[in-house]
Protein backbone atom coordinates (compact mmCIF):
# COMPACT_ATOMS: atom_id res chain seq x y z
CA UNK A 1 0.00 0.00 0.00
CA UNK A 2 2.67 2.48 1.02
CA UNK A 3 4.57 1.87 -2.24
CA UNK A 4 1.56 2.99 -4.30
CA UNK A 5 1.18 6.07 -2.09
CA UNK A 6 4.86 6.91 -2.52
CA UNK A 7 4.77 6.45 -6.30
CA UNK A 8 1.75 8.77 -6.55
CA UNK A 9 3.54 11.47 -4.58
CA UNK A 10 6.76 11.02 -6.59
CA UNK A 11 4.82 11.36 -9.88
CA UNK A 12 3.45 14.69 -8.62
CA UNK A 13 7.00 15.83 -7.77
CA UNK A 14 8.26 14.80 -11.21
CA UNK A 15 5.52 16.82 -12.92
CA UNK A 16 6.25 19.86 -10.73
CA UNK A 17 9.98 19.62 -11.51
CA UNK A 18 9.30 19.35 -15.24
CA UNK A 19 7.00 22.40 -15.26
CA UNK A 20 9.42 24.44 -13.16
CA UNK A 21 12.41 23.69 -15.38
CA UNK A 22 10.37 24.07 -18.59
CA UNK A 23 9.28 27.57 -17.51
CA UNK A 24 12.88 28.80 -17.62
CA UNK A 25 13.80 27.30 -20.99
CA UNK A 26 15.61 29.63 -23.38
CA UNK A 27 15.54 32.61 -21.01
CA UNK A 28 18.47 34.95 -20.41
CA UNK A 29 18.36 35.11 -16.65
CA UNK A 30 19.49 38.58 -15.70
CA UNK A 31 18.40 40.09 -12.38
CA UNK A 32 15.12 41.54 -13.67
CA UNK A 33 14.17 38.23 -15.27
CA UNK A 34 15.28 36.04 -12.36
CA UNK A 35 13.56 38.19 -9.71
CA UNK A 36 10.62 39.75 -11.60
CA UNK A 37 10.10 37.59 -14.69
CA UNK A 38 11.02 40.56 -16.90
CA UNK A 39 7.72 42.16 -15.72
CA UNK A 40 5.69 40.04 -18.17
CA UNK A 41 3.29 37.95 -16.06
CA UNK A 42 -0.30 37.75 -17.29
CA UNK A 43 -3.52 37.28 -15.32
CA UNK A 44 -3.42 33.47 -15.10
CA UNK A 45 0.06 33.27 -13.56
CA UNK A 46 -0.49 36.38 -11.41
CA UNK A 47 -3.70 34.94 -9.97
CA UNK A 48 -2.15 31.62 -9.03
CA UNK A 49 1.21 32.98 -7.94
CA UNK A 50 -0.63 35.23 -5.45
CA UNK A 51 -3.13 32.59 -4.34
CA UNK A 52 -0.98 29.47 -4.22
CA UNK A 53 1.89 31.37 -2.61
CA UNK A 54 -0.29 32.40 0.31
CA UNK A 55 -1.82 28.98 0.98
CA UNK A 56 0.97 26.90 2.44
CA UNK A 57 1.28 23.59 4.29
CA UNK A 58 -1.00 25.29 6.80
CA UNK A 59 -3.88 24.74 4.35
CA UNK A 60 -3.90 20.93 4.51
CA UNK A 61 -2.62 20.61 8.10
CA UNK A 62 -3.04 23.79 10.13
CA UNK A 63 -6.33 24.92 8.54
CA UNK A 64 -8.27 21.73 9.38
CA UNK A 65 -6.46 21.67 12.73
CA UNK A 66 -7.72 25.15 13.59
CA UNK A 67 -11.32 24.26 12.72
CA UNK A 68 -11.01 20.99 14.67
CA UNK A 69 -9.61 22.66 17.78
CA UNK A 70 -10.96 26.23 17.69
CA UNK A 71 -14.23 25.78 15.77
CA UNK A 72 -15.83 28.92 14.34
CA UNK A 73 -12.90 31.01 15.59
CA UNK A 74 -11.04 29.59 12.57
CA UNK A 75 -13.29 31.72 10.37
CA UNK A 76 -10.80 34.52 10.92
CA UNK A 77 -8.92 32.84 8.07
CA UNK A 78 -11.81 33.54 5.69
CA UNK A 79 -12.02 37.12 6.95
CA UNK A 80 -8.42 38.00 6.27
CA UNK A 81 -8.38 36.10 2.97
CA UNK A 82 -11.29 38.20 1.75
CA UNK A 83 -9.69 41.52 2.68
CA UNK A 84 -5.99 40.62 2.66
CA UNK A 85 -5.08 42.28 -0.62
CA UNK A 86 -7.23 45.38 -0.12
CA UNK A 87 -4.23 47.53 0.94
CA UNK A 88 -2.32 46.23 -2.08
CA UNK A 89 -4.91 47.71 -4.44
CA UNK A 90 -3.52 51.05 -3.25
CA UNK A 91 0.16 50.18 -2.88
CA UNK A 92 0.58 47.64 -5.69
CA UNK A 93 0.00 49.82 -8.77
CA UNK A 94 2.12 52.62 -7.32
CA UNK A 95 4.99 50.22 -6.59
CA UNK A 96 4.65 48.74 -10.10
CA UNK A 97 4.89 52.15 -11.79
CA UNK A 98 7.90 53.15 -9.73
CA UNK A 99 9.52 49.76 -10.36
CA UNK A 100 9.25 50.14 -14.12
CA UNK A 101 10.48 53.72 -13.99
CA UNK A 102 13.45 53.26 -11.65
CA UNK A 103 14.27 49.56 -12.01
CA UNK A 104 13.23 48.23 -8.59
CA UNK A 105 12.73 44.49 -8.21
CA UNK A 106 12.50 44.18 -4.41
CA UNK A 107 10.48 45.86 -1.71
CA UNK A 108 13.47 47.30 0.15
CA UNK A 109 14.92 48.90 -3.02
CA UNK A 110 11.81 51.06 -3.27
CA UNK A 111 11.63 51.87 0.45
CA UNK A 112 15.32 52.67 0.84
CA UNK A 113 15.27 54.95 -2.22
CA UNK A 114 12.25 56.87 -0.91
CA UNK A 115 13.87 57.34 2.51
CA UNK A 116 17.40 57.67 1.07
CA UNK A 117 18.86 55.12 3.48
CA UNK A 118 21.07 52.17 2.63
CA UNK A 119 20.87 51.19 6.29
CA UNK A 120 17.12 50.78 5.91
CA UNK A 121 17.71 48.42 2.99
CA UNK A 122 20.02 46.22 5.07
CA UNK A 123 17.67 46.18 8.09
CA UNK A 124 14.69 45.23 5.92
CA UNK A 125 16.73 42.46 4.29
CA UNK A 126 17.55 40.86 7.63
CA UNK A 127 14.02 41.29 9.00
CA UNK A 128 12.75 39.64 5.83
CA UNK A 129 15.21 36.76 6.18
CA UNK A 130 14.27 36.33 9.85
CA UNK A 131 10.64 36.04 8.75
CA UNK A 132 11.34 33.77 5.79
CA UNK A 133 13.45 31.09 7.47
CA UNK A 134 10.87 29.91 10.05
CA UNK A 135 8.15 30.20 7.39
CA UNK A 136 10.16 28.01 5.00
CA UNK A 137 11.07 25.64 7.82
CA UNK A 138 7.40 25.04 8.56
CA UNK A 139 6.78 24.20 4.90
CA UNK A 140 9.59 21.64 5.00
CA UNK A 141 8.16 20.18 8.20
CA UNK A 142 4.81 19.78 6.46
CA UNK A 143 6.40 17.96 3.51
CA UNK A 144 8.46 15.69 5.74
CA UNK A 145 5.44 14.89 7.91
CA UNK A 146 3.42 13.87 4.85
CA UNK A 147 6.04 11.42 3.60
CA UNK A 148 6.69 9.95 7.04
CA UNK A 149 3.00 9.54 7.95
CA UNK A 150 1.59 8.32 4.64
CA UNK A 151 4.40 5.84 3.92
CA UNK A 152 4.20 4.50 7.49
CA UNK A 153 7.75 5.58 8.21
CA UNK A 154 9.32 3.89 5.18
CA UNK A 155 10.32 7.36 3.93
CA UNK A 156 11.41 9.07 7.16
CA UNK A 157 10.77 12.71 7.92
CA UNK A 158 14.26 13.89 7.01
CA UNK A 159 14.19 12.11 3.64
CA UNK A 160 10.70 13.36 2.74
CA UNK A 161 11.62 16.98 3.41
CA UNK A 162 14.85 16.54 1.44
CA UNK A 163 13.11 14.97 -1.58
CA UNK A 164 10.35 17.60 -1.80
CA UNK A 165 12.62 20.59 -1.33
CA UNK A 166 15.33 19.15 -3.52
CA UNK A 167 12.77 19.55 -6.32
CA UNK A 168 11.94 23.10 -5.18
CA UNK A 169 15.60 24.14 -5.09
CA UNK A 170 16.15 22.62 -8.53
CA UNK A 171 13.50 24.61 -10.39
CA UNK A 172 13.94 27.83 -8.40
CA UNK A 173 17.71 27.66 -9.03
CA UNK A 174 17.27 27.10 -12.75
CA UNK A 175 14.21 29.20 -13.64
CA UNK A 176 13.78 31.87 -10.98
CA UNK A 177 10.44 33.69 -10.88
CA UNK A 178 9.05 31.98 -13.98
CA UNK A 179 9.64 28.56 -12.41
CA UNK A 180 7.81 29.70 -9.27
CA UNK A 181 4.95 31.18 -11.31
CA UNK A 182 4.15 28.26 -13.58
CA UNK A 183 4.53 25.60 -10.89
CA UNK A 184 2.16 27.68 -8.76
CA UNK A 185 -0.43 27.51 -11.56
CA UNK A 186 -0.16 23.71 -11.55
CA UNK A 187 0.00 23.42 -7.76
CA UNK A 188 -2.85 25.90 -7.24
CA UNK A 189 -5.26 24.07 -9.54
CA UNK A 190 -4.22 20.70 -8.11
CA UNK A 191 -4.77 21.62 -4.46
CA UNK A 192 -8.02 23.52 -5.20
CA UNK A 193 -9.53 20.42 -6.79
CA UNK A 194 -8.33 18.08 -4.03
CA UNK A 195 -9.49 20.42 -1.24
CA UNK A 196 -13.04 20.46 -2.60
CA UNK A 197 -13.05 16.69 -3.15
CA UNK A 198 -12.01 15.95 0.44
CA UNK A 199 -14.03 18.84 1.91
CA UNK A 200 -17.26 17.42 0.47
CA UNK A 201 -16.42 13.71 0.57
CA UNK A 202 -15.49 13.45 4.26
CA UNK A 203 -18.68 15.05 5.72
CA UNK A 204 -20.86 12.89 3.43
CA UNK A 205 -18.91 9.70 4.18
CA UNK A 206 -18.90 10.27 7.95
CA UNK A 207 -22.26 11.96 8.53
CA UNK A 208 -24.33 11.72 5.36
CA UNK A 209 -23.97 15.42 4.48
CA UNK A 210 -23.01 18.87 5.73
CA UNK A 211 -26.22 19.59 7.68
CA UNK A 212 -26.13 16.29 9.61
CA UNK A 213 -22.47 16.99 10.41
CA UNK A 214 -23.18 20.38 11.93
CA UNK A 215 -26.23 19.05 13.78
CA UNK A 216 -24.05 16.43 15.46
CA UNK A 217 -21.41 19.04 16.31
CA UNK A 218 -24.14 21.25 17.81
CA UNK A 219 -25.26 18.39 20.02
CA UNK A 220 -21.78 17.23 21.04
CA UNK A 221 -19.80 20.49 21.24
CA UNK A 222 -21.87 23.65 20.58
CA UNK A 223 -18.87 25.84 21.41
CA UNK A 224 -17.31 24.79 18.11
CA UNK A 225 -20.01 26.72 16.25
CA UNK A 226 -19.56 30.06 18.02
CA UNK A 227 -16.83 32.64 18.43
CA UNK A 228 -14.65 32.65 20.58
CA UNK A 229 -14.75 28.88 20.05
CA UNK A 230 -14.81 25.99 22.52
CA UNK A 231 -13.70 27.04 25.99
CA UNK A 232 -13.06 30.57 24.71
CA UNK A 233 -9.86 29.58 22.90
CA UNK A 234 -9.82 32.75 20.79
CA UNK A 235 -11.26 35.81 22.58
CA UNK A 236 -12.56 38.74 20.58
CA UNK A 237 -9.40 40.77 21.08
CA UNK A 238 -7.27 37.95 19.71
CA UNK A 239 -9.73 37.22 16.89
CA UNK A 240 -10.01 40.84 15.74
CA UNK A 241 -6.31 41.62 15.86
CA UNK A 242 -5.46 38.31 14.16
CA UNK A 243 -7.65 39.45 11.25
CA UNK A 244 -6.14 42.94 11.32
CA UNK A 245 -2.52 41.82 11.50
CA UNK A 246 -3.12 39.38 8.65
CA UNK A 247 -4.83 41.93 6.40
CA UNK A 248 -2.01 44.42 6.89
CA UNK A 249 0.67 41.74 6.76
CA UNK A 250 -0.54 40.22 3.48
CA UNK A 251 0.53 43.20 1.42
CA UNK A 252 3.72 43.79 3.42
CA UNK A 253 5.28 40.34 3.08
CA UNK A 254 8.30 40.92 0.82
CA UNK A 255 7.64 37.90 -1.43
CA UNK A 256 4.10 39.17 -2.10
CA UNK A 257 4.99 42.87 -2.35
CA UNK A 258 7.59 42.00 -4.95
CA UNK A 259 4.89 40.56 -7.19
CA UNK A 260 3.85 44.12 -8.01
CA UNK A 261 6.97 44.27 -10.18
CA UNK A 262 6.10 41.11 -12.11
CA UNK A 263 2.75 42.02 -13.72
CA UNK A 264 2.60 42.66 -17.45
CA UNK A 265 0.70 45.94 -16.94
CA UNK A 266 -1.34 47.84 -14.37
CA UNK A 267 -4.79 46.53 -15.45
CA UNK A 268 -3.49 42.96 -14.99
CA UNK A 269 -2.25 43.79 -11.50
CA UNK A 270 -5.51 45.49 -10.46
CA UNK A 271 -7.66 42.69 -11.87
CA UNK A 272 -5.58 40.12 -10.00
CA UNK A 273 -6.14 42.00 -6.75
CA UNK A 274 -9.86 42.40 -7.44
CA UNK A 275 -10.52 38.71 -8.12
CA UNK A 276 -8.04 37.33 -5.59
CA UNK A 277 -10.70 36.78 -2.85
CA UNK A 278 -12.21 34.05 -5.05
CA UNK A 279 -9.09 31.99 -4.32
CA UNK A 280 -10.01 32.14 -0.63
CA UNK A 281 -13.01 29.92 -1.39
CA UNK A 282 -10.31 27.22 -1.29
CA UNK A 283 -10.32 27.55 2.50
CA UNK A 284 -14.03 26.68 2.85
CA UNK A 285 -13.57 22.92 2.19
CA UNK A 286 -10.37 22.99 4.24
CA UNK A 287 -12.33 24.16 7.29
CA UNK A 288 -15.12 21.66 6.57
CA UNK A 289 -12.49 18.92 6.79
CA UNK A 290 -11.56 20.10 10.28
CA UNK A 291 -15.20 20.22 11.40
CA UNK A 292 -15.66 16.67 10.09
CA UNK A 293 -13.19 15.43 12.70
CA UNK A 294 -14.79 17.10 15.73
CA UNK A 295 -17.24 14.27 16.49
CA UNK A 296 -15.51 11.47 14.56
CA UNK A 297 -12.10 11.84 16.31
CA UNK A 298 -12.67 14.03 19.37
CA UNK A 299 -9.48 13.35 21.33
CA UNK A 300 -6.56 13.73 18.94
CA UNK A 301 -3.38 14.84 20.70
CA UNK A 302 -2.24 16.80 17.63
CA UNK A 303 -5.03 18.82 16.01
CA UNK A 304 -2.94 19.31 12.87
CA UNK A 305 -3.05 15.57 12.20
CA UNK A 306 -6.86 15.47 11.89
CA UNK A 307 -6.91 15.18 8.08
CA UNK A 308 -4.16 12.51 7.76
CA UNK A 309 -5.82 10.64 10.64
CA UNK A 310 -9.20 10.52 8.91
CA UNK A 311 -7.73 9.66 5.52
CA UNK A 312 -5.84 6.66 6.91
CA UNK A 313 -8.56 5.55 9.37
CA UNK A 314 -11.26 5.44 6.68
CA UNK A 315 -9.20 3.00 4.58
CA UNK A 316 -9.25 4.93 1.32
CA UNK A 317 -7.47 3.37 -1.66
CA UNK A 318 -3.70 3.99 -1.85
CA UNK A 319 -4.19 6.19 -4.94
CA UNK A 320 -6.60 8.49 -3.04
CA UNK A 321 -4.22 8.67 -0.07
CA UNK A 322 -1.32 9.38 -2.43
CA UNK A 323 -3.27 12.17 -4.12
CA UNK A 324 -3.99 13.68 -0.72
CA UNK A 325 -0.28 13.57 0.06
CA UNK A 326 0.50 15.18 -3.28
CA UNK A 327 -2.05 17.92 -2.55
CA UNK A 328 -0.39 18.62 0.78
CA UNK A 329 3.00 18.75 -0.95
CA UNK A 330 1.55 21.20 -3.50
CA UNK A 331 0.36 23.48 -0.70
CA UNK A 332 3.76 23.30 1.00
CA UNK A 333 5.84 23.78 -2.14
CA UNK A 334 3.73 26.58 -3.63
CA UNK A 335 4.68 28.72 -0.64
CA UNK A 336 8.14 27.29 -0.14
CA UNK A 337 9.33 28.04 -3.66
CA UNK A 338 8.18 31.68 -3.50
CA UNK A 339 9.79 32.13 -0.08
CA UNK A 340 13.08 30.55 -1.17
CA UNK A 341 13.18 32.68 -4.33
CA UNK A 342 12.31 35.91 -2.51
CA UNK A 343 14.74 35.30 0.37
CA UNK A 344 17.64 34.78 -2.05
CA UNK A 345 16.65 37.83 -4.11
CA UNK A 346 16.27 40.08 -1.08
CA UNK A 347 19.57 39.11 0.54
CA UNK A 348 21.53 39.78 -2.65
CA UNK A 349 19.73 42.90 -3.91
CA UNK A 350 19.10 44.56 -0.54
CA UNK A 351 22.10 43.51 1.53
CA UNK A 352 25.09 42.14 -0.37
CA UNK A 353 24.71 44.66 -3.18
CA UNK A 354 25.39 47.40 -0.63
CA UNK A 355 28.93 46.06 -0.28
CA UNK A 356 29.41 45.25 -3.97
CA UNK A 357 27.64 48.08 -5.81
CA UNK A 358 29.61 47.49 -9.02
CA UNK A 359 28.83 43.77 -9.26
CA UNK A 360 27.71 42.74 -12.74
CA UNK A 361 24.22 41.53 -13.51
CA UNK A 362 25.57 38.04 -14.15
CA UNK A 363 27.41 37.98 -10.82
CA UNK A 364 24.31 39.08 -8.92
CA UNK A 365 22.14 36.44 -10.59
CA UNK A 366 24.70 33.73 -9.85
CA UNK A 367 24.88 34.86 -6.22
CA UNK A 368 21.09 34.65 -5.96
CA UNK A 369 21.19 31.08 -7.20
CA UNK A 370 23.82 30.20 -4.59
CA UNK A 371 21.63 31.81 -1.92
CA UNK A 372 18.70 29.62 -3.00
CA UNK A 373 20.76 26.59 -1.95
CA UNK A 374 22.14 28.20 1.23
CA UNK A 375 18.77 29.46 2.52
CA UNK A 376 17.11 26.13 1.78
CA UNK A 377 19.90 24.32 3.62
CA UNK A 378 19.56 26.55 6.70
CA UNK A 379 15.79 26.01 6.78
CA UNK A 380 16.26 22.26 6.31
CA UNK A 381 18.59 22.17 9.30
CA UNK A 382 15.98 23.86 11.50
CA UNK A 383 13.25 21.56 10.15
CA UNK A 384 15.12 18.32 10.79
CA UNK A 385 17.73 18.84 13.49
CA UNK A 386 16.95 21.90 15.62
CA UNK A 387 14.50 21.64 18.50
CA UNK A 388 13.20 25.17 18.15
CA UNK A 389 9.70 26.44 18.91
CA UNK A 390 8.99 27.79 15.44
CA UNK A 391 5.36 28.81 15.88
CA UNK A 392 6.24 31.69 18.27
CA UNK A 393 9.06 32.67 15.92
CA UNK A 394 6.70 32.70 12.95
CA UNK A 395 4.11 34.77 14.80
CA UNK A 396 6.83 37.22 15.78
CA UNK A 397 8.12 37.30 12.20
CA UNK A 398 4.63 38.07 10.89
CA UNK A 399 4.36 40.91 13.40
CA UNK A 400 7.81 42.16 12.41
CA UNK A 401 6.93 42.28 8.70
CA UNK A 402 3.81 44.31 9.53
CA UNK A 403 6.13 47.02 10.83
CA UNK A 404 6.85 47.91 7.18
CA UNK A 405 3.30 49.29 6.88
CA UNK A 406 3.94 52.84 8.26
CA UNK A 407 6.89 53.15 5.86
CA UNK A 408 4.63 52.28 2.94
CA UNK A 409 2.02 54.82 4.02
CA UNK A 410 4.60 57.58 4.45
CA UNK A 411 6.30 56.69 1.17
CA UNK A 412 3.25 57.35 -0.98
CA UNK A 413 1.02 59.69 1.02
CA UNK A 414 2.96 61.80 3.53
CA UNK A 415 5.71 64.10 2.25
CA UNK A 416 6.79 64.90 5.84
CA UNK A 417 7.93 61.30 6.50
CA UNK A 418 11.73 60.99 6.59
CA UNK A 419 14.64 58.59 7.08
CA UNK A 420 15.06 59.11 10.83
CA UNK A 421 11.39 58.36 11.46
CA UNK A 422 11.42 55.29 9.23
CA UNK A 423 14.43 53.76 10.97
CA UNK A 424 13.28 54.60 14.50
CA UNK A 425 9.71 53.40 13.96
CA UNK A 426 10.84 50.15 12.37
CA UNK A 427 13.30 49.37 15.17
CA UNK A 428 10.87 50.27 18.00
CA UNK A 429 7.96 48.37 16.43
CA UNK A 430 10.12 45.34 15.69
CA UNK A 431 11.57 45.15 19.22
CA UNK A 432 8.17 45.53 20.89
CA UNK A 433 6.76 42.80 18.66
CA UNK A 434 9.68 40.53 19.55
CA UNK A 435 9.40 41.16 23.28
CA UNK A 436 5.63 40.83 23.14
CA UNK A 437 5.84 37.50 21.36
CA UNK A 438 8.32 36.20 23.91
CA UNK A 439 6.25 37.73 26.73
CA UNK A 440 9.25 39.26 28.54
CA UNK A 441 8.27 42.93 28.80
CA UNK A 442 5.67 43.52 31.52
CA UNK A 443 3.36 46.57 31.51
CA UNK A 444 1.34 47.06 34.68
CA UNK A 445 1.83 43.39 35.42
CA UNK A 446 0.44 42.27 32.03
CA UNK A 447 2.70 40.71 29.39
CA UNK A 448 3.15 43.55 26.91
CA UNK A 449 2.35 41.63 23.76
CA UNK A 450 -0.73 40.03 25.30
CA UNK A 451 -2.40 43.28 26.34
CA UNK A 452 -6.19 42.77 25.85
CA UNK A 453 -5.30 39.53 24.04
CA UNK A 454 -3.95 41.64 21.15
CA UNK A 455 -1.55 40.10 18.67
CA UNK A 456 1.86 41.52 19.74
CA UNK A 457 2.42 42.76 16.19
CA UNK A 458 -0.52 45.16 16.59
CA UNK A 459 0.97 46.53 19.83
CA UNK A 460 4.27 47.02 18.02
CA UNK A 461 2.56 48.63 15.04
CA UNK A 462 0.77 51.18 17.25
CA UNK A 463 4.07 52.15 18.90
CA UNK A 464 5.76 52.21 15.49
CA UNK A 465 3.16 54.66 14.16
CA UNK A 466 3.52 56.93 17.19
CA UNK A 467 7.31 57.05 16.84
CA UNK A 468 7.13 57.38 13.04
CA UNK A 469 4.73 60.34 13.16
CA UNK A 470 6.41 62.02 16.13
CA UNK A 471 9.96 61.93 14.76
CA UNK A 472 8.79 62.97 11.28
CA UNK A 473 7.22 66.09 12.81
CA UNK A 474 10.21 66.85 15.02
CA UNK A 475 12.97 66.46 12.42
CA UNK A 476 13.88 68.09 9.14
CA UNK A 477 11.76 67.03 6.13
CA UNK A 478 13.35 65.48 3.06
CA UNK A 479 13.96 67.40 -0.18
CA UNK A 480 10.57 68.18 -1.79
CA UNK A 481 11.77 67.32 -5.31
CA UNK A 482 12.86 63.88 -4.17
CA UNK A 483 9.67 63.11 -2.26
CA UNK A 484 7.45 64.45 -5.02
CA UNK A 485 8.16 61.62 -7.45
CA UNK A 486 6.99 59.00 -4.93
CA UNK A 487 3.89 60.92 -3.86
CA UNK A 488 2.79 61.75 -7.41
CA UNK A 489 3.18 58.22 -8.65
């Protein structure tokens, strides 16, 4: 049985590798092509590169786990998916126009030029890397878990993660952004179809339909159908700020912000943003899967294992189980490839280029490819060997990335914003988010980041804004002619 499952998953990986390598055929990979696909992406690739990039291993493991454990509180995922790109409808087209005009391919290039600070570029590069590594590590953990669980340990965790991300490194190394884009089209369609199949099939197989499922949940655990969830697991303060931090954070993640530079034209970019919420419908069956386990398997020690548990317990055919595993790999890899690509691009363009400003285009592209391998290797080490609590790190990283938001607002809409304010606000907001996540800074006896159950990133963002506005008003403004080109665009 496990051999058939493994073969099915390996066939998926072979197809993904072929598409990723094929996408880069015959291309001259200079920096603009490797990082931004020569700014030529059409609606199909833009739609899936945005959607599939966002839905990670969390979709097939964490998403059902949240619904299983937290019930209706998991609907915050649908809320932020619906509104997540709303800020980008404002920022995206402006960033795209400036990118074409001045040659930007990363987020920090634009920000550091507006605030005339190379230091800002370096700080943003390292904040981005600190956010990317735990994010990528979690994707590798998801891939390794799938192989280990579904093959009954015949392909151990370390080997599964290595196989899946060996494929990712291969096509990202060879094809850059185009490899990420076209594999995301394949992976996005694949996991959308599988999510709906399992999301409908499991409730009908276990309960005879969706309504009978929810009726049994209502009888057995009514808290699962209300917010803040069973036993108040997600109070309103936590729920609301989780939505808010996610909406703001969507458009500030460097690997998503950079996609503004990849669109063929502005109408394509705006249409992608407008129709993006339709991709969030993908999360509806994912949550239904989690609800299906509430009554069927009420005492699982690991909520994230609810879907693999049901798939194996219900004795589906090996092909079905293998397809499920392939779908989970698609969710993991469609985020992992974009993260790996962006992390390599950011470190070279925004950090190393500061020390080697005269490096040739070829040298920069080669260095990015080397960084693809290095960053993947670092993340693989954390996934397999390091006993690190990555969930707190990831939450802190998400909160840290949100600290870019005041800089984006000031860049386009407030001429008074300046370098000193940008640096100070970013540092203050980032430190408060870090301390809040770790829970080490008390305020009136309450852990600072947990004030009113707020996400610590929101606390940091509020302080960031106060510092950003205050220092901008107290210090000398930047040259009007310089600021004008960012505001007018």
